Amino acid sequence: MPRQILITGGASGIGLAIAKSFAACGDRVLATGVDAGQVDQQAELFATDSHNSPELSFTVLDVTQPAQIESLIHSLPTLDVLVNCAGTIRRGGMEFDLDAFQQVVDVNLHGTMRMCVGCKPKLAERGGCILNIASMLSFFGSGYVPAYSASKGGVVQLTRSLAMEFVKQNLRVNAIAPAGINTSLTTGFQIPSDVDFELMAPYSGYRGMGEAEDIANLFAWMASDEAANMHGSIVSSDRGVTAG
């Protein structure tokens, strides 16, 4: 029987790759995005390509808006897997502005918590699982994106805390922490003229950027019965960046 999958941030980048991966497994997938134009574009692309799964659909969702979250969850008869992939980052030192800092944390950390709490009852009914997206910057600081780093560090501890809270319930909670991935978010990044490459070195890695499909396959596996023993785990997929 096909599972019902809900993926926030699923209209682009890593989230879209994850959505495609689950759909290819025969699951019913609802992928969300905050940009209505982008959501409509993806919906149209998938509707016109006969090779795409009819079980993948798209809708608009802003994870900073509790009323939108409640309405969307209420519309789902069942839910087996929640993937929290909605995220944002501010470049060029913008995250040192407190308003920008708060905006990033509200999406990346508070948004993840809102989704976890809202979806928990339906997930527990089905013996489901929650998969959060962390980052290599969950484990060490960044000189340029303090809000992003702080929020992703928070996602790791949130994942562990929810795992402890739900340990006696029929529900798993885990997170995956990737390094840099080739998406529109990263390919459009311009290195500042005053960049300090010594600061950048620890998280540049030796093997270049990863591909969204590699991360997507890991998400699909961690939502499968083969990963049934994993609960409260933070899995790094960073080509050795955090190895030492």
C-alpha atoms as a PDB file:
ATOM      1  CA  MET A   1       0.000   0.000   0.000  1.00  0.00           C
ATOM      2  CA  PRO A   2       1.472   3.386  -0.967  1.00  0.00           C
ATOM      3  CA  ARG A   3       2.582   5.599   1.887  1.00  0.00           C
ATOM      4  CA  GLN A   4       1.624   9.270   2.217  1.00  0.00           C
ATOM      5  CA  ILE A   5       4.716  11.482   2.256  1.00  0.00           C
ATOM      6  CA  LEU A   6       4.758  15.200   3.103  1.00  0.00           C
ATOM      7  CA  ILE A   7       7.867  17.176   2.148  1.00  0.00           C
ATOM      8  CA  THR A   8       8.285  20.842   3.039  1.00  0.00           C
ATOM      9  CA  GLY A   9      10.611  22.776   0.757  1.00  0.00           C
ATOM     10  CA  GLY A  10       9.879  20.141  -1.863  1.00  0.00           C
ATOM     11  CA  ALA A  11       9.427  22.382  -4.898  1.00  0.00           C
ATOM     12  CA  SER A  12      13.139  22.930  -5.509  1.00  0.00           C
ATOM     13  CA  GLY A  13      16.654  21.747  -4.734  1.00  0.00           C
ATOM     14  CA  ILE A  14      17.197  18.894  -2.299  1.00  0.00           C
ATOM     15  CA  GLY A  15      13.514  18.779  -1.366  1.00  0.00           C
ATOM     16  CA  LEU A  16      12.457  18.274  -4.988  1.00  0.00           C
ATOM     17  CA  ALA A  17      15.000  15.483  -5.426  1.00  0.00           C
ATOM     18  CA  ILE A  18      13.654  13.824  -2.270  1.00  0.00           C
ATOM     19  CA  ALA A  19      10.094  14.145  -3.567  1.00  0.00           C
ATOM     20  CA  LYS A  20      11.045  12.474  -6.850  1.00  0.00           C
ATOM     21  CA  SER A  21      12.845   9.683  -5.006  1.00  0.00           C
ATOM     22  CA  PHE A  22       9.822   8.817  -2.861  1.00  0.00           C
ATOM     23  CA  ALA A  23       7.480   9.044  -5.853  1.00  0.00           C
ATOM     24  CA  ALA A  24       9.723   6.651  -7.782  1.00  0.00           C
ATOM     25  CA  CYS A  25       9.226   4.164  -4.932  1.00  0.00           C
ATOM     26  CA  GLY A  26       5.472   4.282  -5.507  1.00  0.00           C
ATOM     27  CA  ASP A  27       4.595   6.567  -2.609  1.00  0.00           C
ATOM     28  CA  ARG A  28       2.015   9.355  -2.697  1.00  0.00           C
ATOM     29  CA  VAL A  29       3.997  12.563  -2.265  1.00  0.00           C
ATOM     30  CA  LEU A  30       2.819  16.069  -1.427  1.00  0.00           C
ATOM     31  CA  ALA A  31       5.660  18.554  -1.855  1.00  0.00           C
ATOM     32  CA  THR A  32       5.322  22.114  -0.601  1.00  0.00           C
ATOM     33  CA  GLY A  33       7.024  25.396  -1.393  1.00  0.00           C
ATOM     34  CA  VAL A  34       6.659  28.964  -0.186  1.00  0.00           C
ATOM     35  CA  ASP A  35       6.943  30.493  -3.681  1.00  0.00           C
ATOM     36  CA  ALA A  36       3.590  30.099  -5.443  1.00  0.00           C
ATOM     37  CA  GLY A  37       5.131  30.690  -8.865  1.00  0.00           C
ATOM     38  CA  GLN A  38       7.726  27.980  -8.326  1.00  0.00           C
ATOM     39  CA  VAL A  39       5.103  25.573  -7.007  1.00  0.00           C
ATOM     40  CA  ASP A  40       2.862  26.163 -10.035  1.00  0.00           C
ATOM     41  CA  GLN A  41       5.826  25.727 -12.387  1.00  0.00           C
ATOM     42  CA  GLN A  42       6.773  22.364 -10.892  1.00  0.00           C
ATOM     43  CA  ALA A  43       3.166  21.199 -10.915  1.00  0.00           C
ATOM     44  CA  GLU A  44       2.874  22.084 -14.604  1.00  0.00           C
ATOM     45  CA  LEU A  45       6.170  20.397 -15.483  1.00  0.00           C
ATOM     46  CA  PHE A  46       5.148  17.171 -13.805  1.00  0.00           C
ATOM     47  CA  ALA A  47       1.654  17.225 -15.270  1.00  0.00           C
ATOM     48  CA  THR A  48       2.954  17.515 -18.848  1.00  0.00           C
ATOM     49  CA  ASP A  49       5.669  14.834 -18.611  1.00  0.00           C
ATOM     50  CA  SER A  50       4.259  11.323 -18.951  1.00  0.00           C
ATOM     51  CA  HIS A  51       7.409   9.863 -17.392  1.00  0.00           C
ATOM     52  CA  ASN A  52       6.688  11.540 -14.069  1.00  0.00           C
ATOM     53  CA  SER A  53       4.748   9.908 -11.265  1.00  0.00           C
ATOM     54  CA  PRO A  54       1.072  10.921 -11.012  1.00  0.00           C
ATOM     55  CA  GLU A  55       1.446  10.454  -7.261  1.00  0.00           C
ATOM     56  CA  LEU A  56       3.597  13.580  -6.866  1.00  0.00           C
ATOM     57  CA  SER A  57       1.694  16.819  -6.280  1.00  0.00           C
ATOM     58  CA  PHE A  58       2.642  20.309  -5.154  1.00  0.00           C
ATOM     59  CA  THR A  59       1.068  22.950  -2.942  1.00  0.00           C
ATOM     60  CA  VAL A  60       1.982  26.251  -1.315  1.00  0.00           C
ATOM     61  CA  LEU A  61       2.988  26.274   2.351  1.00  0.00           C
ATOM     62  CA  ASP A  62       4.784  28.832   4.504  1.00  0.00           C
ATOM     63  CA  VAL A  63       6.183  27.005   7.541  1.00  0.00           C
ATOM     64  CA  THR A  64       6.208  30.256   9.521  1.00  0.00           C
ATOM     65  CA  GLN A  65       2.391  30.387   9.352  1.00  0.00           C
ATOM     66  CA  PRO A  66       0.687  28.053  11.875  1.00  0.00           C
ATOM     67  CA  ALA A  67      -2.760  28.425  10.282  1.00  0.00           C
ATOM     68  CA  GLN A  68      -1.442  27.233   6.905  1.00  0.00           C
ATOM     69  CA  ILE A  69       0.254  24.270   8.557  1.00  0.00           C
ATOM     70  CA  GLU A  70      -2.889  23.271  10.449  1.00  0.00           C
ATOM     71  CA  SER A  71      -5.029  23.496   7.313  1.00  0.00           C
ATOM     72  CA  LEU A  72      -2.645  21.390   5.243  1.00  0.00           C
ATOM     73  CA  ILE A  73      -2.274  18.665   7.865  1.00  0.00           C
ATOM     74  CA  HIS A  74      -6.047  18.544   8.337  1.00  0.00           C
ATOM     75  CA  SER A  75      -6.452  17.949   4.588  1.00  0.00           C
ATOM     76  CA  LEU A  76      -4.383  14.746   4.706  1.00  0.00           C
ATOM     77  CA  PRO A  77      -6.390  11.604   5.566  1.00  0.00           C
ATOM     78  CA  THR A  78      -3.216   9.829   6.675  1.00  0.00           C
ATOM     79  CA  LEU A  79       0.492  10.572   6.966  1.00  0.00           C
ATOM     80  CA  ASP A  80       3.403   8.120   7.028  1.00  0.00           C
ATOM     81  CA  VAL A  81       6.506  10.263   6.543  1.00  0.00           C
ATOM     82  CA  LEU A  82       7.262  13.928   7.200  1.00  0.00           C
ATOM     83  CA  VAL A  83      10.396  15.399   5.625  1.00  0.00           C
ATOM     84  CA  ASN A  84      11.307  18.859   6.911  1.00  0.00           C
ATOM     85  CA  CYS A  85      13.359  20.346   4.095  1.00  0.00           C
ATOM     86  CA  ALA A  86      12.102  23.944   4.067  1.00  0.00           C
ATOM     87  CA  GLY A  87      15.017  26.248   4.735  1.00  0.00           C
ATOM     88  CA  THR A  88      16.568  29.610   4.023  1.00  0.00           C
ATOM     89  CA  ILE A  89      19.905  31.381   4.297  1.00  0.00           C
ATOM     90  CA  ARG A  90      21.047  34.998   3.980  1.00  0.00           C
ATOM     91  CA  ARG A  91      24.373  35.667   2.301  1.00  0.00           C
ATOM     92  CA  GLY A  92      26.813  38.547   2.368  1.00  0.00           C
ATOM     93  CA  GLY A  93      26.802  39.088   6.122  1.00  0.00           C
ATOM     94  CA  MET A  94      23.053  39.791   6.179  1.00  0.00           C
ATOM     95  CA  GLU A  95      22.514  37.346   9.039  1.00  0.00           C
ATOM     96  CA  PHE A  96      24.222  39.734  11.429  1.00  0.00           C
ATOM     97  CA  ASP A  97      21.122  41.902  11.097  1.00  0.00           C
ATOM     98  CA  LEU A  98      18.817  40.776  13.919  1.00  0.00           C
ATOM     99  CA  ASP A  99      15.663  40.856  11.809  1.00  0.00           C
ATOM    100  CA  ALA A 100      17.296  38.659   9.174  1.00  0.00           C
ATOM    101  CA  PHE A 101      18.653  36.385  11.909  1.00  0.00           C
ATOM    102  CA  GLN A 102      15.159  35.915  13.304  1.00  0.00           C
ATOM    103  CA  GLN A 103      13.700  35.205   9.860  1.00  0.00           C
ATOM    104  CA  VAL A 104      16.230  32.451   9.184  1.00  0.00           C
ATOM    105  CA  VAL A 105      15.694  30.812  12.575  1.00  0.00           C
ATOM    106  CA  ASP A 106      11.909  31.052  12.189  1.00  0.00           C
ATOM    107  CA  VAL A 107      11.993  29.059   8.956  1.00  0.00           C
ATOM    108  CA  ASN A 108      14.784  26.581   9.650  1.00  0.00           C
ATOM    109  CA  LEU A 109      14.205  25.789  13.327  1.00  0.00           C
ATOM    110  CA  HIS A 110      10.768  27.036  14.382  1.00  0.00           C
ATOM    111  CA  GLY A 111       9.256  25.835  11.098  1.00  0.00           C
ATOM    112  CA  THR A 112      10.661  22.366  11.682  1.00  0.00           C
ATOM    113  CA  MET A 113       9.209  22.297  15.193  1.00  0.00           C
ATOM    114  CA  ARG A 114       5.797  23.507  13.989  1.00  0.00           C
ATOM    115  CA  MET A 115       5.645  20.723  11.424  1.00  0.00           C
ATOM    116  CA  CYS A 116       6.812  18.025  13.838  1.00  0.00           C
ATOM    117  CA  VAL A 117       4.265  18.963  16.496  1.00  0.00           C
ATOM    118  CA  GLY A 118       1.427  19.380  14.014  1.00  0.00           C
ATOM    119  CA  CYS A 119       2.052  16.112  12.165  1.00  0.00           C
ATOM    120  CA  LYS A 120       2.867  13.960  15.181  1.00  0.00           C
ATOM    121  CA  PRO A 121      -0.651  12.566  15.871  1.00  0.00           C
ATOM    122  CA  LYS A 122      -1.192  11.334  12.303  1.00  0.00           C
ATOM    123  CA  LEU A 123       2.342   9.973  12.043  1.00  0.00           C
ATOM    124  CA  ALA A 124       2.003   8.040  15.299  1.00  0.00           C
ATOM    125  CA  GLU A 125      -1.229   6.446  14.073  1.00  0.00           C
ATOM    126  CA  ARG A 126       0.690   4.931  11.156  1.00  0.00           C
ATOM    127  CA  GLY A 127       3.989   4.083  12.830  1.00  0.00           C
ATOM    128  CA  GLY A 128       5.539   6.820  10.729  1.00  0.00           C
ATOM    129  CA  CYS A 129       8.748   8.765  10.808  1.00  0.00           C
ATOM    130  CA  ILE A 130      10.088  12.302  10.751  1.00  0.00           C
ATOM    131  CA  LEU A 131      13.219  13.178   8.792  1.00  0.00           C
ATOM    132  CA  ASN A 132      14.763  16.601   9.377  1.00  0.00           C
ATOM    133  CA  ILE A 133      17.478  18.214   7.311  1.00  0.00           C
ATOM    134  CA  ALA A 134      20.415  19.495   9.320  1.00  0.00           C
ATOM    135  CA  SER A 135      23.787  20.574   7.905  1.00  0.00           C
ATOM    136  CA  MET A 136      27.516  20.140   8.299  1.00  0.00           C
ATOM    137  CA  LEU A 137      27.247  23.581   9.956  1.00  0.00           C
ATOM    138  CA  SER A 138      25.252  21.902  12.724  1.00  0.00           C
ATOM    139  CA  PHE A 139      28.603  20.718  14.073  1.00  0.00           C
ATOM    140  CA  PHE A 140      30.930  23.702  13.723  1.00  0.00           C
ATOM    141  CA  GLY A 141      30.592  27.438  13.351  1.00  0.00           C
ATOM    142  CA  SER A 142      30.530  29.534  10.220  1.00  0.00           C
ATOM    143  CA  GLY A 143      32.034  32.976   9.936  1.00  0.00           C
ATOM    144  CA  TYR A 144      29.444  34.254   7.462  1.00  0.00           C
ATOM    145  CA  VAL A 145      26.043  32.694   8.231  1.00  0.00           C
ATOM    146  CA  PRO A 146      25.528  32.673  12.026  1.00  0.00           C
ATOM    147  CA  ALA A 147      21.742  32.349  11.833  1.00  0.00           C
ATOM    148  CA  TYR A 148      21.898  29.406   9.454  1.00  0.00           C
ATOM    149  CA  SER A 149      24.527  27.658  11.585  1.00  0.00           C
ATOM    150  CA  ALA A 150      22.625  28.299  14.819  1.00  0.00           C
ATOM    151  CA  SER A 151      19.332  27.129  13.334  1.00  0.00           C
ATOM    152  CA  LYS A 152      20.845  23.928  11.951  1.00  0.00           C
ATOM    153  CA  GLY A 153      22.567  23.224  15.247  1.00  0.00           C
ATOM    154  CA  GLY A 154      19.147  23.641  16.794  1.00  0.00           C
ATOM    155  CA  VAL A 155      17.640  21.159  14.338  1.00  0.00           C
ATOM    156  CA  VAL A 156      20.089  18.512  15.561  1.00  0.00           C
ATOM    157  CA  GLN A 157      19.178  19.032  19.211  1.00  0.00           C
ATOM    158  CA  LEU A 158      15.480  19.290  18.351  1.00  0.00           C
ATOM    159  CA  THR A 159      15.702  15.951  16.547  1.00  0.00           C
ATOM    160  CA  ARG A 160      17.338  14.304  19.542  1.00  0.00           C
ATOM    161  CA  SER A 161      14.890  15.877  21.983  1.00  0.00           C
ATOM    162  CA  LEU A 162      11.847  14.779  19.996  1.00  0.00           C
ATOM    163  CA  ALA A 163      13.327  11.298  19.715  1.00  0.00           C
ATOM    164  CA  MET A 164      13.483  11.139  23.506  1.00  0.00           C
ATOM    165  CA  GLU A 165       9.956  12.529  23.842  1.00  0.00           C
ATOM    166  CA  PHE A 166       8.567   9.976  21.368  1.00  0.00           C
ATOM    167  CA  VAL A 167      10.738   7.026  22.443  1.00  0.00           C
ATOM    168  CA  LYS A 168       7.759   5.058  23.807  1.00  0.00           C
ATOM    169  CA  GLN A 169       5.510   5.917  20.871  1.00  0.00           C
ATOM    170  CA  ASN A 170       5.165   4.352  17.446  1.00  0.00           C
ATOM    171  CA  LEU A 171       7.200   7.053  15.723  1.00  0.00           C
ATOM    172  CA  ARG A 172      10.819   7.548  14.621  1.00  0.00           C
ATOM    173  CA  VAL A 173      12.691  10.875  14.378  1.00  0.00           C
ATOM    174  CA  ASN A 174      16.057  11.282  12.635  1.00  0.00           C
ATOM    175  CA  ALA A 175      18.043  13.915  10.760  1.00  0.00           C
ATOM    176  CA  ILE A 176      20.469  13.988   7.847  1.00  0.00           C
ATOM    177  CA  ALA A 177      23.292  16.524   7.754  1.00  0.00           C
ATOM    178  CA  PRO A 178      24.658  17.153   4.242  1.00  0.00           C
ATOM    179  CA  ALA A 179      27.552  19.317   3.141  1.00  0.00           C
ATOM    180  CA  GLY A 180      27.345  21.582   0.079  1.00  0.00           C
ATOM    181  CA  ILE A 181      24.936  20.319  -2.585  1.00  0.00           C
ATOM    182  CA  ASN A 182      24.590  21.486  -6.177  1.00  0.00           C
ATOM    183  CA  THR A 183      21.289  23.379  -6.127  1.00  0.00           C
ATOM    184  CA  SER A 184      20.108  26.814  -7.235  1.00  0.00           C
ATOM    185  CA  LEU A 185      20.817  28.001  -3.687  1.00  0.00           C
ATOM    186  CA  THR A 186      24.515  27.165  -3.962  1.00  0.00           C
ATOM    187  CA  THR A 187      25.215  27.670  -7.667  1.00  0.00           C
ATOM    188  CA  GLY A 188      24.000  31.266  -7.441  1.00  0.00           C
ATOM    189  CA  PHE A 189      26.348  32.061  -4.576  1.00  0.00           C
ATOM    190  CA  GLN A 190      28.907  34.763  -5.314  1.00  0.00           C
ATOM    191  CA  ILE A 191      32.089  34.666  -3.233  1.00  0.00           C
ATOM    192  CA  PRO A 192      32.492  38.063  -1.530  1.00  0.00           C
ATOM    193  CA  SER A 193      35.488  40.128  -2.629  1.00  0.00           C
ATOM    194  CA  ASP A 194      36.713  40.306   0.964  1.00  0.00           C
ATOM    195  CA  VAL A 195      36.289  36.590   1.676  1.00  0.00           C
ATOM    196  CA  ASP A 196      38.711  35.067   4.177  1.00  0.00           C
ATOM    197  CA  PHE A 197      39.567  31.692   2.652  1.00  0.00           C
ATOM    198  CA  GLU A 198      41.125  30.584   5.920  1.00  0.00           C
ATOM    199  CA  LEU A 199      37.665  30.843   7.473  1.00  0.00           C
ATOM    200  CA  MET A 200      36.119  29.017   4.518  1.00  0.00           C
ATOM    201  CA  ALA A 201      38.615  26.131   4.489  1.00  0.00           C
ATOM    202  CA  PRO A 202      37.075  23.928   7.221  1.00  0.00           C
ATOM    203  CA  TYR A 203      33.804  23.500   5.349  1.00  0.00           C
ATOM    204  CA  SER A 204      34.953  23.643   1.744  1.00  0.00           C
ATOM    205  CA  GLY A 205      35.749  19.922   1.627  1.00  0.00           C
ATOM    206  CA  TYR A 206      38.144  18.023  -0.581  1.00  0.00           C
ATOM    207  CA  ARG A 207      35.708  16.278  -2.898  1.00  0.00           C
ATOM    208  CA  GLY A 208      33.674  19.185  -4.226  1.00  0.00           C
ATOM    209  CA  MET A 209      29.917  19.590  -4.147  1.00  0.00           C
ATOM    210  CA  GLY A 210      27.483  16.720  -3.793  1.00  0.00           C
ATOM    211  CA  GLU A 211      24.358  16.050  -5.824  1.00  0.00           C
ATOM    212  CA  ALA A 212      20.807  16.351  -4.541  1.00  0.00           C
ATOM    213  CA  GLU A 213      19.970  12.854  -5.789  1.00  0.00           C
ATOM    214  CA  ASP A 214      22.563  11.315  -3.462  1.00  0.00           C
ATOM    215  CA  ILE A 215      20.942  12.946  -0.446  1.00  0.00           C
ATOM    216  CA  ALA A 216      17.472  12.023  -1.707  1.00  0.00           C
ATOM    217  CA  ASN A 217      18.357   8.333  -1.847  1.00  0.00           C
ATOM    218  CA  LEU A 218      19.554   8.488   1.752  1.00  0.00           C
ATOM    219  CA  PHE A 219      16.279  10.077   2.870  1.00  0.00           C
ATOM    220  CA  ALA A 220      14.303   7.353   1.093  1.00  0.00           C
ATOM    221  CA  TRP A 221      16.337   4.629   2.796  1.00  0.00           C
ATOM    222  CA  MET A 222      15.998   6.184   6.255  1.00  0.00           C
ATOM    223  CA  ALA A 223      12.229   6.244   5.834  1.00  0.00           C
ATOM    224  CA  SER A 224      12.189   2.550   4.930  1.00  0.00           C
ATOM    225  CA  ASP A 225      11.777  -0.512   7.137  1.00  0.00           C
ATOM    226  CA  GLU A 226      15.478  -1.224   6.632  1.00  0.00           C
ATOM    227  CA  ALA A 227      16.212   1.734   8.928  1.00  0.00           C
ATOM    228  CA  ALA A 228      13.659   0.723  11.565  1.00  0.00           C
ATOM    229  CA  ASN A 229      16.339   0.627  14.280  1.00  0.00           C
ATOM    230  CA  MET A 230      17.338   4.257  13.712  1.00  0.00           C
ATOM    231  CA  HIS A 231      15.789   6.729  16.146  1.00  0.00           C
ATOM    232  CA  GLY A 232      17.386   9.961  17.311  1.00  0.00           C
ATOM    233  CA  SER A 233      20.200   9.508  14.789  1.00  0.00           C
ATOM    234  CA  ILE A 234      22.030  12.337  13.025  1.00  0.00           C
ATOM    235  CA  VAL A 235      23.541  10.983   9.819  1.00  0.00           C
ATOM    236  CA  SER A 236      26.278  12.990   8.116  1.00  0.00           C
ATOM    237  CA  SER A 237      26.538  12.834   4.336  1.00  0.00           C
ATOM    238  CA  ASP A 238      29.335  15.302   3.669  1.00  0.00           C
ATOM    239  CA  ARG A 239      32.112  13.542   1.731  1.00  0.00           C
ATOM    240  CA  GLY A 240      34.401  13.647   4.749  1.00  0.00           C
ATOM    241  CA  VAL A 241      34.067  17.319   5.697  1.00  0.00           C
ATOM    242  CA  THR A 242      33.357  16.547   9.358  1.00  0.00           C
ATOM    243  CA  ALA A 243      35.748  13.581   9.547  1.00  0.00           C
ATOM    244  CA  GLY A 244      38.607  15.634  10.930  1.00  0.00           C
END
